[in-house]
Amino acid sequence: MSDEQFTENLRLLEAVLFATKEPLGERKLSNYFEDEIDLKAMLKTLQEEYTNKGVNLVRRGNAWAFRTAPDLAEKLSEYRENVKTLSRAAIETLAIIAYHQPVTRAEIEEIRGVSLSKGTLDVLFEADWIKPRGRRRTPGRPMTWGTTIDFLDQFGLERVEDLPGIEELKSAGLLDARPAINAYTVRGEMELPFDHPDQPEDDTELIEPLAEE
């Protein structure tokens, strides 16, 4: 690819990312180009170009988006969209899903030590912070849940492994001192989603992925 063509492709990539509100996955981004391209190299080049700008190109899992530079975020706080306040039950449920995914409803209840109301999962699902990850290949084939790209984007995370440790969550007041909370895992012990690129093949046999639309 000539330098001129690389520059034109880079301009197109920049335009696509600026035009979208939600982070776009690499597969979807590649659909905008007719020829074979080195998308990762282009994303890296674009990310470097915006390193010291008012907006940065950030990675959210395998998706990318332009976001306000962290040091300027507070100055724009009055224009930020208000996020619905979550209940204690919803916060704990979200934390369990994030640290244990893929996890079933029964497993969430076992960790929390109390029953989980259907509305709690509904709130997280409607916020697009969790999604079905497939059915576990056990009796009853229960549905498993995991976090989404929007979850990473909302909390400024590049990947699930960037989640804070258990002590950080407690000091921030997001976890209380009840015995059930000790069941949470820390970053180094997290179960990865069944479709995570680092997931060992043996682990995927336990989950039956949902059919893609």
Protein backbone atom coordinates (compact mmCIF):
# COMPACT_ATOMS: atom_id res chain seq x y z
CA MET A 1 0.00 0.00 0.00
CA SER A 2 1.35 3.40 -0.98
CA ASP A 3 1.77 6.21 1.54
CA GLU A 4 -0.96 8.15 -0.22
CA GLN A 5 -3.43 5.27 0.01
CA PHE A 6 -2.53 4.67 3.68
CA THR A 7 -3.23 8.34 4.41
CA GLU A 8 -6.60 8.20 2.64
CA ASN A 9 -7.57 5.04 4.55
CA LEU A 10 -6.51 6.70 7.77
CA ARG A 11 -8.76 9.68 7.01
CA LEU A 12 -11.68 7.33 6.36
CA LEU A 13 -11.05 5.48 9.63
CA GLU A 14 -10.90 8.78 11.50
CA ALA A 15 -14.19 9.92 9.94
CA VAL A 16 -15.96 6.66 10.77
CA LEU A 17 -14.87 6.78 14.41
CA PHE A 18 -15.88 10.42 14.76
CA ALA A 19 -19.30 9.75 13.24
CA THR A 20 -20.28 7.03 15.70
CA LYS A 21 -21.40 7.44 19.28
CA GLU A 22 -20.75 3.88 20.44
CA PRO A 23 -17.38 2.07 20.29
CA LEU A 24 -16.97 0.11 17.05
CA GLY A 25 -15.42 -3.34 16.87
CA GLU A 26 -12.46 -4.05 14.61
CA ARG A 27 -14.50 -6.40 12.43
CA LYS A 28 -17.13 -3.74 11.80
CA LEU A 29 -14.47 -1.11 11.10
CA SER A 30 -12.82 -3.33 8.51
CA ASN A 31 -16.12 -3.47 6.57
CA TYR A 32 -15.64 0.18 5.56
CA PHE A 33 -12.60 -0.70 3.44
CA GLU A 34 -12.76 -2.44 0.08
CA ASP A 35 -9.17 -3.70 0.06
CA GLU A 36 -7.13 -5.70 2.57
CA ILE A 37 -5.67 -3.31 5.14
CA ASP A 38 -3.59 -3.52 8.30
CA LEU A 39 -6.33 -2.17 10.57
CA LYS A 40 -4.33 -2.60 13.78
CA ALA A 41 -1.46 -0.53 12.36
CA MET A 42 -3.89 2.19 11.28
CA LEU A 43 -5.56 2.27 14.70
CA LYS A 44 -2.18 2.50 16.40
CA THR A 45 -1.14 5.38 14.11
CA LEU A 46 -4.39 7.23 14.75
CA GLN A 47 -4.13 6.62 18.50
CA GLU A 48 -0.64 8.10 18.54
CA GLU A 49 -1.76 11.15 16.55
CA TYR A 50 -4.43 11.92 19.17
CA THR A 51 -2.31 11.21 22.25
CA ASN A 52 -1.97 14.87 23.32
CA LYS A 53 -5.20 16.18 21.79
CA GLY A 54 -8.45 17.19 23.48
CA VAL A 55 -9.90 13.84 22.47
CA ASN A 56 -8.11 10.50 22.55
CA LEU A 57 -8.67 7.31 20.60
CA VAL A 58 -9.32 4.66 23.25
CA ARG A 59 -9.72 0.90 23.15
CA ARG A 60 -12.67 -0.85 24.80
CA GLY A 61 -12.13 -4.59 24.49
CA ASN A 62 -11.91 -5.13 20.73
CA ALA A 63 -13.77 -1.90 20.01
CA TRP A 64 -12.52 1.67 19.53
CA ALA A 65 -13.92 5.16 20.08
CA PHE A 66 -12.91 8.80 20.45
CA ARG A 67 -13.35 10.03 24.01
CA THR A 68 -12.56 13.28 25.87
CA ALA A 69 -9.03 13.36 27.28
CA PRO A 70 -9.16 12.29 30.96
CA ASP A 71 -7.57 15.52 32.23
CA LEU A 72 -10.32 17.57 30.56
CA ALA A 73 -13.28 15.41 31.58
CA GLU A 74 -14.07 17.36 34.77
CA LYS A 75 -14.22 20.66 32.89
CA LEU A 76 -16.94 19.20 30.67
CA SER A 77 -18.87 17.51 33.49
CA GLU A 78 -21.89 19.83 33.17
CA TYR A 79 -22.47 18.50 29.66
CA ARG A 80 -22.15 14.84 30.53
CA GLU A 81 -25.19 12.60 30.37
CA ASN A 82 -26.61 11.70 33.77
CA VAL A 83 -26.24 8.02 34.58
CA LYS A 84 -29.09 6.32 36.41
CA THR A 85 -28.19 5.66 40.04
CA LEU A 86 -27.95 1.94 40.77
CA SER A 87 -29.24 0.30 43.91
CA ARG A 88 -26.87 -1.54 46.25
CA ALA A 89 -28.21 -4.84 44.90
CA ALA A 90 -27.58 -3.76 41.31
CA ILE A 91 -24.03 -2.59 42.09
CA GLU A 92 -23.18 -5.86 43.83
CA THR A 93 -24.76 -7.89 41.02
CA LEU A 94 -22.81 -5.95 38.39
CA ALA A 95 -19.58 -6.49 40.32
CA ILE A 96 -20.23 -10.23 40.62
CA ILE A 97 -20.94 -10.51 36.89
CA ALA A 98 -17.83 -8.49 36.01
CA TYR A 99 -15.51 -10.55 38.21
CA HIS A 100 -17.04 -14.00 37.67
CA GLN A 101 -18.30 -13.93 34.08
CA PRO A 102 -19.75 -16.00 32.60
CA VAL A 103 -21.99 -16.47 35.66
CA THR A 104 -25.54 -17.74 36.12
CA ARG A 105 -28.35 -16.21 38.17
CA ALA A 106 -28.08 -19.03 40.72
CA GLU A 107 -24.35 -18.41 41.10
CA ILE A 108 -24.97 -14.68 41.64
CA GLU A 109 -27.47 -15.50 44.39
CA GLU A 110 -25.05 -17.95 46.01
CA ILE A 111 -22.28 -15.34 46.13
CA ARG A 112 -24.54 -12.56 47.44
CA GLY A 113 -26.25 -14.87 49.91
CA VAL A 114 -29.71 -13.51 49.05
CA SER A 115 -32.29 -14.00 46.30
CA LEU A 116 -31.95 -11.84 43.20
CA SER A 117 -35.03 -10.04 41.96
CA LYS A 118 -35.68 -10.19 38.21
CA GLY A 119 -35.75 -6.40 38.10
CA THR A 120 -32.09 -6.18 39.13
CA LEU A 121 -30.86 -7.99 36.03
CA ASP A 122 -33.37 -6.05 33.92
CA VAL A 123 -31.89 -2.70 35.03
CA LEU A 124 -28.37 -3.79 34.11
CA PHE A 125 -29.52 -5.31 30.84
CA GLU A 126 -31.48 -2.19 29.84
CA ALA A 127 -28.40 -0.07 30.60
CA ASP A 128 -26.57 -2.35 28.12
CA TRP A 129 -23.94 -3.18 30.73
CA ILE A 130 -24.60 -6.93 30.74
CA LYS A 131 -25.69 -9.41 28.09
CA PRO A 132 -26.35 -13.18 27.76
CA ARG A 133 -23.13 -15.11 27.22
CA GLY A 134 -24.60 -18.50 26.38
CA ARG A 135 -26.08 -21.44 28.28
CA ARG A 136 -24.07 -23.57 30.67
CA ARG A 137 -23.99 -27.21 29.67
CA THR A 138 -25.42 -28.46 32.94
CA PRO A 139 -28.93 -29.72 33.86
CA GLY A 140 -31.49 -27.02 33.08
CA ARG A 141 -29.00 -25.27 30.75
CA PRO A 142 -29.06 -22.02 32.78
CA MET A 143 -28.25 -18.75 31.03
CA THR A 144 -24.92 -17.14 31.84
CA TRP A 145 -24.24 -13.40 31.92
CA GLY A 146 -21.23 -11.23 31.15
CA THR A 147 -20.36 -7.56 30.71
CA THR A 148 -20.51 -5.59 27.46
CA ILE A 149 -18.41 -3.11 25.52
CA ASP A 150 -20.70 -0.36 26.87
CA PHE A 151 -19.78 -1.45 30.40
CA LEU A 152 -16.09 -1.00 29.61
CA ASP A 153 -16.82 2.34 27.95
CA GLN A 154 -18.91 3.62 30.85
CA PHE A 155 -16.20 2.87 33.40
CA GLY A 156 -13.24 3.85 31.22
CA LEU A 157 -11.75 0.35 30.96
CA GLU A 158 -9.79 -1.03 28.03
CA ARG A 159 -10.52 -4.63 29.05
CA VAL A 160 -12.12 -6.58 31.91
CA GLU A 161 -8.71 -7.32 33.40
CA ASP A 162 -8.34 -3.59 34.16
CA LEU A 163 -11.06 -3.78 36.83
CA PRO A 164 -9.91 -2.60 40.27
CA GLY A 165 -8.92 -5.14 42.92
CA ILE A 166 -11.20 -6.17 45.78
CA GLU A 167 -9.60 -3.84 48.34
CA GLU A 168 -9.97 -0.88 45.97
CA LEU A 169 -13.68 -1.64 45.62
CA LYS A 170 -14.15 -1.84 49.39
CA SER A 171 -12.30 1.43 50.03
CA ALA A 172 -14.47 3.12 47.39
CA GLY A 173 -17.59 1.96 49.24
CA LEU A 174 -18.77 -0.25 46.37
CA LEU A 175 -18.55 -3.41 48.49
CA ASP A 176 -19.52 -3.93 52.12
CA ALA A 177 -17.98 -6.22 54.71
CA ARG A 178 -20.58 -9.01 54.69
CA PRO A 179 -19.08 -12.55 54.51
CA ALA A 180 -20.63 -13.22 51.09
CA ILE A 181 -18.56 -10.41 49.59
CA ASN A 182 -15.40 -12.41 50.28
CA ALA A 183 -16.48 -14.75 47.49
CA TYR A 184 -15.52 -12.14 44.88
CA THR A 185 -12.37 -12.92 42.96
CA VAL A 186 -9.55 -10.47 42.27
CA ARG A 187 -8.18 -9.62 38.87
CA GLY A 188 -5.66 -12.45 38.69
CA GLU A 189 -8.33 -15.07 39.48
CA MET A 190 -11.14 -13.87 37.22
CA GLU A 191 -12.97 -16.24 34.93
CA LEU A 192 -12.83 -14.96 31.36
CA PRO A 193 -15.89 -14.75 29.10
CA PHE A 194 -16.27 -17.78 26.81
CA ASP A 195 -15.50 -15.63 23.76
CA HIS A 196 -12.47 -13.89 25.31
CA PRO A 197 -9.37 -14.27 23.10
CA ASP A 198 -7.33 -15.52 26.09
CA GLN A 199 -9.90 -18.12 27.18
CA PRO A 200 -8.42 -21.66 27.13
CA GLU A 201 -10.24 -24.03 24.79
CA ASP A 202 -11.07 -26.46 27.59
CA ASP A 203 -13.12 -23.83 29.43
CA THR A 204 -15.31 -23.09 26.41
CA GLU A 205 -16.76 -26.59 26.52
CA LEU A 206 -18.70 -25.67 29.65
CA ILE A 207 -20.66 -22.92 27.87
CA GLU A 208 -22.94 -23.28 24.88
CA PRO A 209 -22.70 -19.96 22.95
CA LEU A 210 -25.89 -18.30 21.74
CA ALA A 211 -26.54 -18.42 18.02
CA GLU A 212 -25.61 -15.18 16.29
CA GLU A 213 -28.42 -13.26 14.62
